[in-house]
Amino acid sequence: MANENIGISPIDEVLDFLLSQPTAEQVVTLRASEAAQERLRYLLDGSRNNALNDAERNELEVYVQLDNLVARLKARARLKLAERA
């Protein structure tokens, strides 16, 4: 399964989401597309089985970094919402 098959990359998904000027509530509920989730499951399974090539390992690392960024973004959005309450 090649990354090109999922259409838009997960990074582009997040960038497009951010360009839409989401509310803090929308940030908190942000989820990866089904295609991105499927690709991540494939990469994680391959990683567990030591079956990834170098490009796939690099792709998985990008997913991990992006997940960390989104987690931080969501945490800040939750703080902003808590300040409003």
Protein backbone atom coordinates (compact mmCIF):
# COMPACT_ATOMS: atom_id res chain seq x y z
CA MET A 1 0.00 0.00 0.00
CA ALA A 2 1.66 3.21 -1.12
CA ASN A 3 1.16 6.55 0.59
CA GLU A 4 -0.01 8.06 -2.70
CA ASN A 5 -3.10 5.86 -2.49
CA ILE A 6 -4.53 7.82 0.41
CA GLY A 7 -4.85 11.01 -1.62
CA ILE A 8 -4.03 13.95 0.60
CA SER A 9 -1.22 13.42 3.10
CA PRO A 10 -1.92 13.58 6.84
CA ILE A 11 0.27 16.68 7.07
CA ASP A 12 -1.78 18.35 4.36
CA GLU A 13 -4.98 17.30 6.16
CA VAL A 14 -3.80 19.11 9.30
CA LEU A 15 -2.60 22.15 7.36
CA ASP A 16 -5.91 22.43 5.52
CA PHE A 17 -7.74 22.08 8.83
CA LEU A 18 -5.66 24.86 10.39
CA LEU A 19 -6.18 27.10 7.36
CA SER A 20 -9.92 26.76 7.88
CA GLN A 21 -9.43 28.77 11.11
CA PRO A 22 -11.05 26.21 13.39
CA THR A 23 -12.51 27.04 16.76
CA ALA A 24 -10.96 25.59 19.91
CA GLU A 25 -13.87 23.16 20.04
CA GLN A 26 -13.14 21.97 16.51
CA VAL A 27 -9.46 21.52 17.36
CA VAL A 28 -10.35 19.32 20.32
CA THR A 29 -12.48 17.07 18.11
CA LEU A 30 -9.98 16.86 15.24
CA ARG A 31 -9.50 13.31 13.98
CA ALA A 32 -7.46 11.85 11.17
CA SER A 33 -9.32 10.76 8.06
CA GLU A 34 -10.26 7.11 7.71
CA ALA A 35 -7.62 6.75 4.98
CA ALA A 36 -4.92 8.18 7.24
CA GLN A 37 -6.01 5.92 10.11
CA GLU A 38 -5.92 2.89 7.83
CA ARG A 39 -2.44 3.78 6.62
CA LEU A 40 -1.24 4.25 10.19
CA ARG A 41 -2.63 0.83 11.17
CA TYR A 42 -0.75 -0.69 8.24
CA LEU A 43 2.51 1.01 9.25
CA LEU A 44 2.15 0.09 12.92
CA ASP A 45 1.45 -3.54 12.02
CA GLY A 46 4.47 -3.57 9.73
CA SER A 47 6.60 -2.02 12.45
CA ARG A 48 5.54 -4.66 14.98
CA ASN A 49 6.48 -7.35 12.47
CA ASN A 50 9.75 -5.67 11.37
CA ALA A 51 8.35 -5.63 7.84
CA LEU A 52 8.73 -1.95 6.92
CA ASN A 53 11.18 -0.65 4.37
CA ASP A 54 13.13 2.55 5.01
CA ALA A 55 10.55 4.78 3.34
CA GLU A 56 7.74 3.27 5.41
CA ARG A 57 9.74 3.65 8.63
CA ASN A 58 10.29 7.31 7.75
CA GLU A 59 6.60 7.71 6.99
CA LEU A 60 5.70 6.19 10.37
CA GLU A 61 8.07 8.63 12.08
CA VAL A 62 6.27 11.52 10.35
CA TYR A 63 2.96 10.17 11.66
CA VAL A 64 4.39 10.01 15.18
CA GLN A 65 5.68 13.58 14.99
CA LEU A 66 2.40 14.82 13.55
CA ASP A 67 0.46 13.01 16.27
CA ASN A 68 2.62 14.71 18.90
CA LEU A 69 1.98 18.11 17.33
CA VAL A 70 -1.77 17.54 17.16
CA ALA A 71 -1.81 16.32 20.78
CA ARG A 72 -0.08 19.53 21.88
CA LEU A 73 -2.48 21.59 19.78
CA LYS A 74 -5.47 19.86 21.38
CA ALA A 75 -4.03 20.38 24.87
CA ARG A 76 -3.68 24.10 24.25
CA ALA A 77 -7.20 24.26 22.84
CA ARG A 78 -8.53 22.54 25.97
CA LEU A 79 -6.71 25.09 28.13
CA LYS A 80 -8.22 27.91 26.13
CA LEU A 81 -11.68 26.42 26.56
CA ALA A 82 -11.12 25.99 30.30
CA GLU A 83 -10.10 29.64 30.60
CA ARG A 84 -13.41 30.65 29.01
CA ALA A 85 -15.48 28.56 31.42
